[in-house]
Amino acid sequence: MLFVDTKMNNIIPIRSGITLTPFSSGDQNNLIQYLNDPSIQANTANIPVPYTRKDADEWLQHTADLFHQHGAHYNLAIRHEQYGVIGGIGAFLRTGLQGHSDEIGYWLAAPFRGQGIMPEAVRAFCQWLFEVRPALVRIEARVYTFNDPSSRVLEKVGFHKEGLLRKATKKQEKLIDTYLWSLLRGEI
C-alpha cells in the first residue's frame, strides 16, 4: 500500500472517501458530537465525560504539540469526505519513536460502525507505523473484556490475544479486566 507521508500532513488512504489525516481546527463539532457517545466513553480510558468544546480544543492542541515534538502526526482522524471526522486512531509513543514496542487506541462514531471501516483503518495505520518507524517490532492494543467489537477488529487485522490483564485499568474508581493483544512486524 502506498502512503503519503509528507511529515507535515500524513494522509493514509483507507477506502474510497475515507482517509486517515491529521486532526484540524474544524474538527471540534464532530469530536464533541461523537465523543459524547456513552459506548465510546465506556470503552476508552481517557475520554472526558461529558466531552466539551474545551476538551476538543485541548485535544487539538495536544496533537499539534506532539507534531512539533516528533515531526509527524501519530494521532490521526478517521475522516469521511462528506461527514468529516468520524473516528480517531493513534499511537501512544510510550517507548519513543525509536522504541521497539508501542500501543494503539482507536474509536469510531456509531453511524459508521459495522461497515468494515475500523479493521481497515487499524490495518492501514499499523502498516504505516511499521513503515515509518524501522525500530518498531511490536504493536499492542488493550481492550476491556466486555468490548467484544474491539476484540473482533483486532482479530480481523491479525492481532494475537496474548492474555488477560486482571484489574489492569482503573476507570472512575472501578478496576477493569483487560485483554492484551499484539501484532508483530511481518504479521500484517
Protein backbone atom coordinates (compact mmCIF):
# COMPACT_ATOMS: atom_id res chain seq x y z
CA MET A 1 0.00 0.00 0.00
CA LEU A 2 1.31 3.46 -0.88
CA PHE A 3 1.21 6.01 1.90
CA VAL A 4 1.64 9.75 1.54
CA ASP A 5 3.72 10.97 4.46
CA THR A 6 4.97 14.46 3.96
CA LYS A 7 5.75 14.62 7.72
CA MET A 8 3.62 17.72 7.73
CA ASN A 9 0.39 16.19 6.54
CA ASN A 10 0.05 12.42 6.86
CA ILE A 11 -2.64 11.11 4.54
CA ILE A 12 -3.29 7.38 4.68
CA PRO A 13 -6.00 6.08 2.33
CA ILE A 14 -8.47 3.60 3.81
CA ARG A 15 -11.05 3.21 1.05
CA SER A 16 -12.85 5.46 -1.38
CA GLY A 17 -13.94 8.56 0.54
CA ILE A 18 -12.24 7.64 3.83
CA THR A 19 -8.69 8.54 4.88
CA LEU A 20 -6.56 8.94 7.97
CA THR A 21 -5.40 12.54 8.28
CA PRO A 22 -4.18 14.90 10.99
CA PHE A 23 -6.83 16.47 13.16
CA SER A 24 -7.59 20.10 12.30
CA SER A 25 -9.19 23.12 13.91
CA GLY A 26 -12.53 22.49 12.18
CA ASP A 27 -12.98 19.11 13.87
CA GLN A 28 -14.36 20.31 17.22
CA ASN A 29 -18.06 19.87 16.45
CA ASN A 30 -17.67 16.27 15.26
CA LEU A 31 -15.43 15.43 18.22
CA ILE A 32 -17.99 16.84 20.65
CA GLN A 33 -20.90 15.09 18.90
CA TYR A 34 -19.30 11.67 18.60
CA LEU A 35 -17.21 11.50 21.77
CA ASN A 36 -20.28 12.05 23.93
CA ASP A 37 -21.48 8.59 22.85
CA PRO A 38 -21.81 6.51 26.05
CA SER A 39 -20.40 3.40 24.32
CA ILE A 40 -17.22 5.24 23.29
CA GLN A 41 -16.87 6.67 26.77
CA ALA A 42 -17.40 3.24 28.36
CA ASN A 43 -14.79 1.55 26.16
CA THR A 44 -11.97 4.09 26.31
CA ALA A 45 -9.76 5.05 29.22
CA ASN A 46 -9.15 8.77 28.82
CA ILE A 47 -12.08 10.47 27.10
CA PRO A 48 -13.64 13.03 29.46
CA VAL A 49 -17.33 12.72 30.38
CA PRO A 50 -19.04 14.86 29.20
CA TYR A 51 -16.78 15.76 26.25
CA THR A 52 -16.87 19.55 25.83
CA ARG A 53 -15.54 22.18 23.43
CA LYS A 54 -12.72 22.77 25.91
CA ASP A 55 -11.82 19.07 25.71
CA ALA A 56 -11.86 19.19 21.90
CA ASP A 57 -9.66 22.31 21.89
CA GLU A 58 -7.23 20.68 24.34
CA TRP A 59 -7.07 17.53 22.18
CA LEU A 60 -6.34 19.55 19.05
CA GLN A 61 -3.63 21.47 20.91
CA HIS A 62 -2.20 18.18 22.22
CA THR A 63 -1.96 16.74 18.69
CA ALA A 64 -0.28 19.95 17.47
CA ASP A 65 2.20 19.82 20.38
CA LEU A 66 3.04 16.18 19.60
CA PHE A 67 3.59 17.10 15.95
CA HIS A 68 6.06 19.82 16.95
CA GLN A 69 7.79 17.42 19.34
CA HIS A 70 8.03 14.45 16.96
CA GLY A 71 7.88 15.99 13.47
CA ALA A 72 4.92 13.85 12.36
CA HIS A 73 1.34 13.15 13.38
CA TYR A 74 0.84 9.90 15.31
CA ASN A 75 -2.78 10.60 16.32
CA LEU A 76 -4.95 10.71 13.24
CA ALA A 77 -8.57 11.42 12.40
CA ILE A 78 -10.60 8.86 10.52
CA ARG A 79 -12.05 11.29 8.00
CA HIS A 80 -15.04 10.79 5.73
CA GLU A 81 -15.03 13.03 2.63
CA GLN A 82 -18.65 14.04 3.22
CA TYR A 83 -19.08 13.92 7.01
CA GLY A 84 -15.64 14.96 8.27
CA VAL A 85 -14.12 13.30 11.33
CA ILE A 86 -15.90 10.04 12.16
CA GLY A 87 -13.25 8.47 14.39
CA GLY A 88 -9.70 8.51 15.57
CA ILE A 89 -6.67 6.27 15.85
CA GLY A 90 -3.31 6.88 17.42
CA ALA A 91 -0.09 5.54 18.83
CA PHE A 92 0.79 6.20 22.47
CA LEU A 93 4.55 6.60 21.79
CA ARG A 94 5.25 5.07 25.21
CA THR A 95 8.79 3.96 24.31
CA GLY A 96 9.52 6.90 22.00
CA LEU A 97 9.90 6.90 18.25
CA GLN A 98 12.94 4.60 18.41
CA GLY A 99 11.33 2.08 20.75
CA HIS A 100 10.65 -1.49 19.67
CA SER A 101 7.11 -1.52 21.10
CA ASP A 102 4.11 0.79 21.08
CA GLU A 103 0.40 0.73 21.84
CA ILE A 104 -2.51 1.94 19.73
CA GLY A 105 -6.01 3.09 20.57
CA TYR A 106 -9.00 3.92 18.36
CA TRP A 107 -12.68 4.84 18.27
CA LEU A 108 -15.37 5.10 15.60
CA ALA A 109 -18.66 7.01 15.62
CA ALA A 110 -21.81 4.88 15.94
CA PRO A 111 -23.32 5.67 12.50
CA PHE A 112 -20.21 4.23 10.81
CA ARG A 113 -19.78 1.00 12.78
CA GLY A 114 -20.42 -2.38 11.20
CA GLN A 115 -19.20 -1.25 7.77
CA GLY A 116 -15.66 -2.65 7.99
CA ILE A 117 -14.09 0.78 8.39
CA MET A 118 -12.33 0.13 11.69
CA PRO A 119 -10.44 -3.03 10.70
CA GLU A 120 -9.30 -1.27 7.51
CA ALA A 121 -8.20 1.79 9.49
CA VAL A 122 -6.32 -0.28 12.09
CA ARG A 123 -4.61 -2.35 9.38
CA ALA A 124 -3.54 0.73 7.38
CA PHE A 125 -2.37 2.57 10.49
CA CYS A 126 -0.30 -0.38 11.72
CA GLN A 127 1.26 -0.87 8.27
CA TRP A 128 2.13 2.83 8.22
CA LEU A 129 3.64 2.67 11.72
CA PHE A 130 5.86 -0.24 10.73
CA GLU A 131 6.93 1.64 7.57
CA VAL A 132 7.84 4.94 9.21
CA ARG A 133 9.34 3.51 12.41
CA PRO A 134 12.03 0.97 11.46
CA ALA A 135 12.79 0.04 15.10
CA LEU A 136 9.15 -0.82 15.82
CA VAL A 137 8.67 -4.58 16.16
CA ARG A 138 5.53 -4.87 18.31
CA ILE A 139 2.21 -3.03 18.41
CA GLU A 140 -0.09 -3.66 21.37
CA ALA A 141 -3.74 -2.89 21.99
CA ARG A 142 -5.58 -3.23 25.28
CA VAL A 143 -9.29 -3.95 25.18
CA TYR A 144 -11.74 -4.16 28.07
CA THR A 145 -13.06 -7.71 28.36
CA PHE A 146 -16.63 -6.52 27.72
CA ASN A 147 -15.71 -4.76 24.45
CA ASP A 148 -16.23 -7.65 22.02
CA PRO A 149 -16.47 -5.43 18.89
CA SER A 150 -12.98 -4.04 19.50
CA SER A 151 -11.56 -7.53 20.04
CA ARG A 152 -13.13 -8.60 16.72
CA VAL A 153 -11.49 -5.65 14.96
CA LEU A 154 -8.05 -6.68 16.21
CA GLU A 155 -8.64 -10.32 15.35
CA LYS A 156 -9.61 -9.38 11.76
CA VAL A 157 -6.40 -7.37 11.39
CA GLY A 158 -4.24 -10.26 12.59
CA PHE A 159 -3.51 -9.29 16.19
CA HIS A 160 -2.99 -12.15 18.65
CA LYS A 161 -4.71 -12.21 22.02
CA GLU A 162 -1.88 -12.75 24.49
CA GLY A 163 -3.83 -12.88 27.67
CA LEU A 164 -5.94 -11.36 30.36
CA LEU A 165 -4.64 -8.49 32.47
CA ARG A 166 -6.71 -8.72 35.63
CA LYS A 167 -7.84 -5.41 37.12
CA ALA A 168 -5.34 -3.69 34.81
CA THR A 169 -7.24 -0.46 34.20
CA LYS A 170 -8.68 1.94 36.72
CA LYS A 171 -11.58 3.96 35.36
CA GLN A 172 -13.82 6.06 37.54
CA GLU A 173 -12.60 4.20 40.63
CA LYS A 174 -13.53 0.84 39.09
CA LEU A 175 -10.89 -1.80 38.27
CA ILE A 176 -11.42 -3.37 34.85
CA ASP A 177 -10.04 -6.60 33.38
CA THR A 178 -8.34 -6.04 30.05
CA TYR A 179 -7.22 -8.26 27.19
CA LEU A 180 -3.74 -7.68 25.79
CA TRP A 181 -3.48 -8.04 22.00
CA SER A 182 -0.29 -7.77 19.92
CA LEU A 183 0.84 -7.59 16.33
CA LEU A 184 4.46 -8.16 15.32
CA ARG A 185 6.25 -6.78 12.30
CA GLY A 186 5.71 -9.21 9.44
CA GLU A 187 2.34 -10.43 10.67
CA ILE A 188 0.40 -7.89 8.65
